[in-house]
Amino acid sequence: MTALADLLAEAIADLEGLPDESLGVWRQSRGIGRLRAAPTLQPAGRAWRLGVLLIDRQGNLYATGEVTRAIEPQIAVTSRTLLAEERREIRRAAARGKFPEGEVVNHSYTPIDVDELARAGASGPLLISDGIVRVRWKAGDGTRPLDAYLRERIGLLREG
């Protein structure tokens, strides 16, 4: 997949100097039995978020997962829904993981296997159609050529 490697190298060169974001991975804290601390999000590098894709400086691709900010949230009396509590706990996990206060943290992302893409014609949001690597925003949607998608997303990041 030389064409893909070349495309990613070009994208990384265009992304240099633009804001990137932290990657985080979930780690279960050590402990004995039920005496475990809450899980944390630990730093795992940096990447540029381009819609449904994350690209790191080494040219690794990931399907975007979830995004949070590393903050120690205050208890909000107005919103005690389960979803709000889950979001607060994820922000706390990022704060416990030693990310700088307010840092955007991408987590629960999925590596895109370039070998699988070449072999099976698809991996994550990428697929090959008529010899062209294409990206799908979400299941059931149409696709776009990856080169055009990257140009557009890098342009948006540059303007942002």
C-alpha atoms as a PDB file:
ATOM      1  CA  MET A   1       0.000   0.000   0.000  1.00  0.00           C
ATOM      2  CA  THR A   2       2.673   2.420  -1.096  1.00  0.00           C
ATOM      3  CA  ALA A   3       0.077   4.922  -2.324  1.00  0.00           C
ATOM      4  CA  LEU A   4      -1.529   5.017   1.136  1.00  0.00           C
ATOM      5  CA  ALA A   5       1.848   5.450   2.849  1.00  0.00           C
ATOM      6  CA  ASP A   6       2.673   8.312   0.467  1.00  0.00           C
ATOM      7  CA  LEU A   7      -0.724   9.915   1.076  1.00  0.00           C
ATOM      8  CA  LEU A   8      -0.256   9.698   4.853  1.00  0.00           C
ATOM      9  CA  ALA A   9       3.288  11.105   4.662  1.00  0.00           C
ATOM     10  CA  GLU A  10       1.957  14.053   2.664  1.00  0.00           C
ATOM     11  CA  ALA A  11      -0.887  14.567   5.154  1.00  0.00           C
ATOM     12  CA  ILE A  12       1.524  14.496   8.113  1.00  0.00           C
ATOM     13  CA  ALA A  13       3.732  17.103   6.417  1.00  0.00           C
ATOM     14  CA  ASP A  14       0.642  19.304   5.904  1.00  0.00           C
ATOM     15  CA  LEU A  15      -0.419  18.783   9.535  1.00  0.00           C
ATOM     16  CA  GLU A  16       2.905  19.847  11.071  1.00  0.00           C
ATOM     17  CA  GLY A  17       2.381  22.933  13.182  1.00  0.00           C
ATOM     18  CA  LEU A  18      -1.375  22.393  13.473  1.00  0.00           C
ATOM     19  CA  PRO A  19      -2.940  21.538  16.837  1.00  0.00           C
ATOM     20  CA  ASP A  20      -2.987  17.876  17.779  1.00  0.00           C
ATOM     21  CA  GLU A  21      -4.688  16.101  20.663  1.00  0.00           C
ATOM     22  CA  SER A  22      -3.792  13.513  23.265  1.00  0.00           C
ATOM     23  CA  LEU A  23      -4.444   9.816  22.864  1.00  0.00           C
ATOM     24  CA  GLY A  24      -5.427   7.966  26.010  1.00  0.00           C
ATOM     25  CA  VAL A  25      -5.753   4.289  26.858  1.00  0.00           C
ATOM     26  CA  TRP A  26      -7.740   2.805  29.720  1.00  0.00           C
ATOM     27  CA  ARG A  27      -5.725   1.258  32.544  1.00  0.00           C
ATOM     28  CA  GLN A  28      -7.160  -0.606  35.481  1.00  0.00           C
ATOM     29  CA  SER A  29      -5.529   0.549  38.676  1.00  0.00           C
ATOM     30  CA  ARG A  30      -3.677  -1.962  40.790  1.00  0.00           C
ATOM     31  CA  GLY A  31      -5.170  -3.272  43.946  1.00  0.00           C
ATOM     32  CA  ILE A  32      -6.216  -6.391  45.760  1.00  0.00           C
ATOM     33  CA  GLY A  33      -9.621  -7.918  45.131  1.00  0.00           C
ATOM     34  CA  ARG A  34     -12.299  -5.298  45.515  1.00  0.00           C
ATOM     35  CA  LEU A  35      -9.821  -2.763  46.868  1.00  0.00           C
ATOM     36  CA  ARG A  36      -8.989  -1.236  43.516  1.00  0.00           C
ATOM     37  CA  ALA A  37      -8.849   2.402  42.630  1.00  0.00           C
ATOM     38  CA  ALA A  38     -10.973   3.595  39.736  1.00  0.00           C
ATOM     39  CA  PRO A  39      -9.572   3.066  36.223  1.00  0.00           C
ATOM     40  CA  THR A  40      -7.631   5.888  34.610  1.00  0.00           C
ATOM     41  CA  LEU A  41      -6.962   7.159  31.127  1.00  0.00           C
ATOM     42  CA  GLN A  42      -3.195   7.104  30.581  1.00  0.00           C
ATOM     43  CA  PRO A  43      -1.310   9.123  27.942  1.00  0.00           C
ATOM     44  CA  ALA A  44      -0.523   7.069  24.808  1.00  0.00           C
ATOM     45  CA  GLY A  45       0.789   9.701  22.410  1.00  0.00           C
ATOM     46  CA  ARG A  46      -0.648  12.460  20.277  1.00  0.00           C
ATOM     47  CA  ALA A  47      -2.571  12.548  17.007  1.00  0.00           C
ATOM     48  CA  TRP A  48      -4.506  14.851  14.768  1.00  0.00           C
ATOM     49  CA  ARG A  49      -8.256  14.263  14.770  1.00  0.00           C
ATOM     50  CA  LEU A  50      -9.611  14.464  11.239  1.00  0.00           C
ATOM     51  CA  GLY A  51     -13.277  13.552  11.488  1.00  0.00           C
ATOM     52  CA  VAL A  52     -13.542   9.771  11.718  1.00  0.00           C
ATOM     53  CA  LEU A  53      -9.751   9.335  11.611  1.00  0.00           C
ATOM     54  CA  LEU A  54      -6.869   9.954  13.969  1.00  0.00           C
ATOM     55  CA  ILE A  55      -3.377  10.161  12.440  1.00  0.00           C
ATOM     56  CA  ASP A  56      -0.214  10.182  14.537  1.00  0.00           C
ATOM     57  CA  ARG A  57       3.215  11.455  13.505  1.00  0.00           C
ATOM     58  CA  GLN A  58       4.399   7.924  12.708  1.00  0.00           C
ATOM     59  CA  GLY A  59       1.631   7.483  10.123  1.00  0.00           C
ATOM     60  CA  ASN A  60      -0.526   5.182  12.236  1.00  0.00           C
ATOM     61  CA  LEU A  61      -4.240   5.462  11.582  1.00  0.00           C
ATOM     62  CA  TYR A  62      -7.051   5.006  14.084  1.00  0.00           C
ATOM     63  CA  ALA A  63     -10.826   5.092  13.834  1.00  0.00           C
ATOM     64  CA  THR A  64     -11.961   7.872  16.147  1.00  0.00           C
ATOM     65  CA  GLY A  65     -13.574   6.646  19.355  1.00  0.00           C
ATOM     66  CA  GLU A  66     -14.693   8.880  22.209  1.00  0.00           C
ATOM     67  CA  VAL A  67     -13.426  12.317  23.228  1.00  0.00           C
ATOM     68  CA  THR A  68     -13.287  13.963  26.646  1.00  0.00           C
ATOM     69  CA  ARG A  69     -11.427  16.704  28.507  1.00  0.00           C
ATOM     70  CA  ALA A  70      -9.134  16.101  31.439  1.00  0.00           C
ATOM     71  CA  ILE A  71     -10.869  18.053  34.167  1.00  0.00           C
ATOM     72  CA  GLU A  72     -11.914  17.351  37.699  1.00  0.00           C
ATOM     73  CA  PRO A  73     -15.641  18.044  37.249  1.00  0.00           C
ATOM     74  CA  GLN A  74     -17.687  19.679  39.937  1.00  0.00           C
ATOM     75  CA  ILE A  75     -20.775  17.885  41.137  1.00  0.00           C
ATOM     76  CA  ALA A  76     -23.697  19.354  39.252  1.00  0.00           C
ATOM     77  CA  VAL A  77     -26.989  19.314  41.098  1.00  0.00           C
ATOM     78  CA  THR A  78     -28.882  20.140  37.900  1.00  0.00           C
ATOM     79  CA  SER A  79     -27.831  17.092  35.880  1.00  0.00           C
ATOM     80  CA  ARG A  80     -27.779  13.781  37.679  1.00  0.00           C
ATOM     81  CA  THR A  81     -28.648  11.550  34.754  1.00  0.00           C
ATOM     82  CA  LEU A  82     -26.708   8.335  34.312  1.00  0.00           C
ATOM     83  CA  LEU A  83     -25.166   9.622  31.076  1.00  0.00           C
ATOM     84  CA  ALA A  84     -24.024  12.863  32.740  1.00  0.00           C
ATOM     85  CA  GLU A  85     -22.486  10.878  35.615  1.00  0.00           C
ATOM     86  CA  GLU A  86     -20.676   8.591  33.142  1.00  0.00           C
ATOM     87  CA  ARG A  87     -19.236  11.620  31.307  1.00  0.00           C
ATOM     88  CA  ARG A  88     -18.065  13.152  34.583  1.00  0.00           C
ATOM     89  CA  GLU A  89     -16.360   9.873  35.544  1.00  0.00           C
ATOM     90  CA  ILE A  90     -14.541   9.712  32.192  1.00  0.00           C
ATOM     91  CA  ARG A  91     -13.308  13.303  32.704  1.00  0.00           C
ATOM     92  CA  ARG A  92     -12.118  12.324  36.190  1.00  0.00           C
ATOM     93  CA  ALA A  93     -10.316   9.269  34.745  1.00  0.00           C
ATOM     94  CA  ALA A  94      -8.457  11.549  32.324  1.00  0.00           C
ATOM     95  CA  ALA A  95      -7.562  13.953  35.150  1.00  0.00           C
ATOM     96  CA  ARG A  96      -6.242  11.023  37.243  1.00  0.00           C
ATOM     97  CA  GLY A  97      -4.159   9.962  34.226  1.00  0.00           C
ATOM     98  CA  LYS A  98      -1.943  13.028  34.517  1.00  0.00           C
ATOM     99  CA  PHE A  99      -3.143  14.843  31.412  1.00  0.00           C
ATOM    100  CA  PRO A 100      -2.846  18.616  31.707  1.00  0.00           C
ATOM    101  CA  GLU A 101      -5.994  20.312  33.001  1.00  0.00           C
ATOM    102  CA  GLY A 102      -8.383  20.949  30.110  1.00  0.00           C
ATOM    103  CA  GLU A 103      -6.501  18.726  27.629  1.00  0.00           C
ATOM    104  CA  VAL A 104      -8.626  17.065  24.934  1.00  0.00           C
ATOM    105  CA  VAL A 105      -8.198  13.284  25.218  1.00  0.00           C
ATOM    106  CA  ASN A 106      -9.214  10.800  22.513  1.00  0.00           C
ATOM    107  CA  HIS A 107      -9.912   7.338  23.935  1.00  0.00           C
ATOM    108  CA  SER A 108     -11.564   4.074  22.939  1.00  0.00           C
ATOM    109  CA  TYR A 109     -10.215   4.538  19.415  1.00  0.00           C
ATOM    110  CA  THR A 110      -9.472   1.545  17.172  1.00  0.00           C
ATOM    111  CA  PRO A 111      -6.250   1.007  15.203  1.00  0.00           C
ATOM    112  CA  ILE A 112      -6.786   0.697  11.465  1.00  0.00           C
ATOM    113  CA  ASP A 113      -4.940  -2.335  10.157  1.00  0.00           C
ATOM    114  CA  VAL A 114      -3.363  -1.320   6.836  1.00  0.00           C
ATOM    115  CA  ASP A 115      -2.477  -4.952   6.074  1.00  0.00           C
ATOM    116  CA  GLU A 116      -6.116  -5.938   6.616  1.00  0.00           C
ATOM    117  CA  LEU A 117      -7.169  -3.051   4.375  1.00  0.00           C
ATOM    118  CA  ALA A 118      -4.902  -4.360   1.601  1.00  0.00           C
ATOM    119  CA  ARG A 119      -5.941  -7.998   2.118  1.00  0.00           C
ATOM    120  CA  ALA A 120      -9.680  -7.711   2.760  1.00  0.00           C
ATOM    121  CA  GLY A 121     -10.414  -4.342   1.186  1.00  0.00           C
ATOM    122  CA  ALA A 122     -11.664  -2.758   4.411  1.00  0.00           C
ATOM    123  CA  SER A 123     -10.538  -1.804   7.908  1.00  0.00           C
ATOM    124  CA  GLY A 124     -12.463   0.543  10.182  1.00  0.00           C
ATOM    125  CA  PRO A 125     -13.895   3.461   8.180  1.00  0.00           C
ATOM    126  CA  LEU A 126     -11.522   2.815   5.243  1.00  0.00           C
ATOM    127  CA  LEU A 127     -12.242   0.632   2.247  1.00  0.00           C
ATOM    128  CA  ILE A 128     -10.799   0.068  -1.181  1.00  0.00           C
ATOM    129  CA  SER A 129     -13.075   0.448  -4.185  1.00  0.00           C
ATOM    130  CA  ASP A 130     -11.774   0.283  -7.765  1.00  0.00           C
ATOM    131  CA  GLY A 131      -8.228   0.550  -6.420  1.00  0.00           C
ATOM    132  CA  ILE A 132      -8.941   3.808  -4.545  1.00  0.00           C
ATOM    133  CA  VAL A 133      -8.763   4.087  -0.747  1.00  0.00           C
ATOM    134  CA  ARG A 134     -12.037   5.600   0.388  1.00  0.00           C
ATOM    135  CA  VAL A 135     -13.424   6.721   3.748  1.00  0.00           C
ATOM    136  CA  ARG A 136     -16.936   6.267   5.112  1.00  0.00           C
ATOM    137  CA  TRP A 137     -18.213   8.767   7.676  1.00  0.00           C
ATOM    138  CA  LYS A 138     -20.647   6.255   9.200  1.00  0.00           C
ATOM    139  CA  ALA A 139     -22.187   2.907   8.349  1.00  0.00           C
ATOM    140  CA  GLY A 140     -24.729   3.229   5.574  1.00  0.00           C
ATOM    141  CA  ASP A 141     -23.288   6.498   4.250  1.00  0.00           C
ATOM    142  CA  GLY A 142     -21.577   6.900   0.915  1.00  0.00           C
ATOM    143  CA  THR A 143     -17.803   7.072   0.641  1.00  0.00           C
ATOM    144  CA  ARG A 144     -15.244   9.683  -0.417  1.00  0.00           C
ATOM    145  CA  PRO A 145     -11.730   9.248  -1.752  1.00  0.00           C
ATOM    146  CA  LEU A 146      -9.329   9.424   1.195  1.00  0.00           C
ATOM    147  CA  ASP A 147      -7.086  12.029  -0.458  1.00  0.00           C
ATOM    148  CA  ALA A 148      -9.996  14.482  -0.921  1.00  0.00           C
ATOM    149  CA  TYR A 149     -11.255  13.746   2.598  1.00  0.00           C
ATOM    150  CA  LEU A 150      -7.837  14.462   4.135  1.00  0.00           C
ATOM    151  CA  ARG A 151      -7.431  17.700   2.158  1.00  0.00           C
ATOM    152  CA  GLU A 152     -10.822  18.913   3.356  1.00  0.00           C
ATOM    153  CA  ARG A 153     -10.273  17.935   7.006  1.00  0.00           C
ATOM    154  CA  ILE A 154      -6.759  19.431   7.107  1.00  0.00           C
ATOM    155  CA  GLY A 155      -8.166  22.634   5.595  1.00  0.00           C
ATOM    156  CA  LEU A 156     -10.834  22.769   8.297  1.00  0.00           C
ATOM    157  CA  LEU A 157      -8.244  22.190  11.018  1.00  0.00           C
ATOM    158  CA  ARG A 158      -6.058  24.927   9.553  1.00  0.00           C
ATOM    159  CA  GLU A 159      -9.004  27.376   9.551  1.00  0.00           C
ATOM    160  CA  GLY A 160     -10.144  26.320  13.024  1.00  0.00           C
END
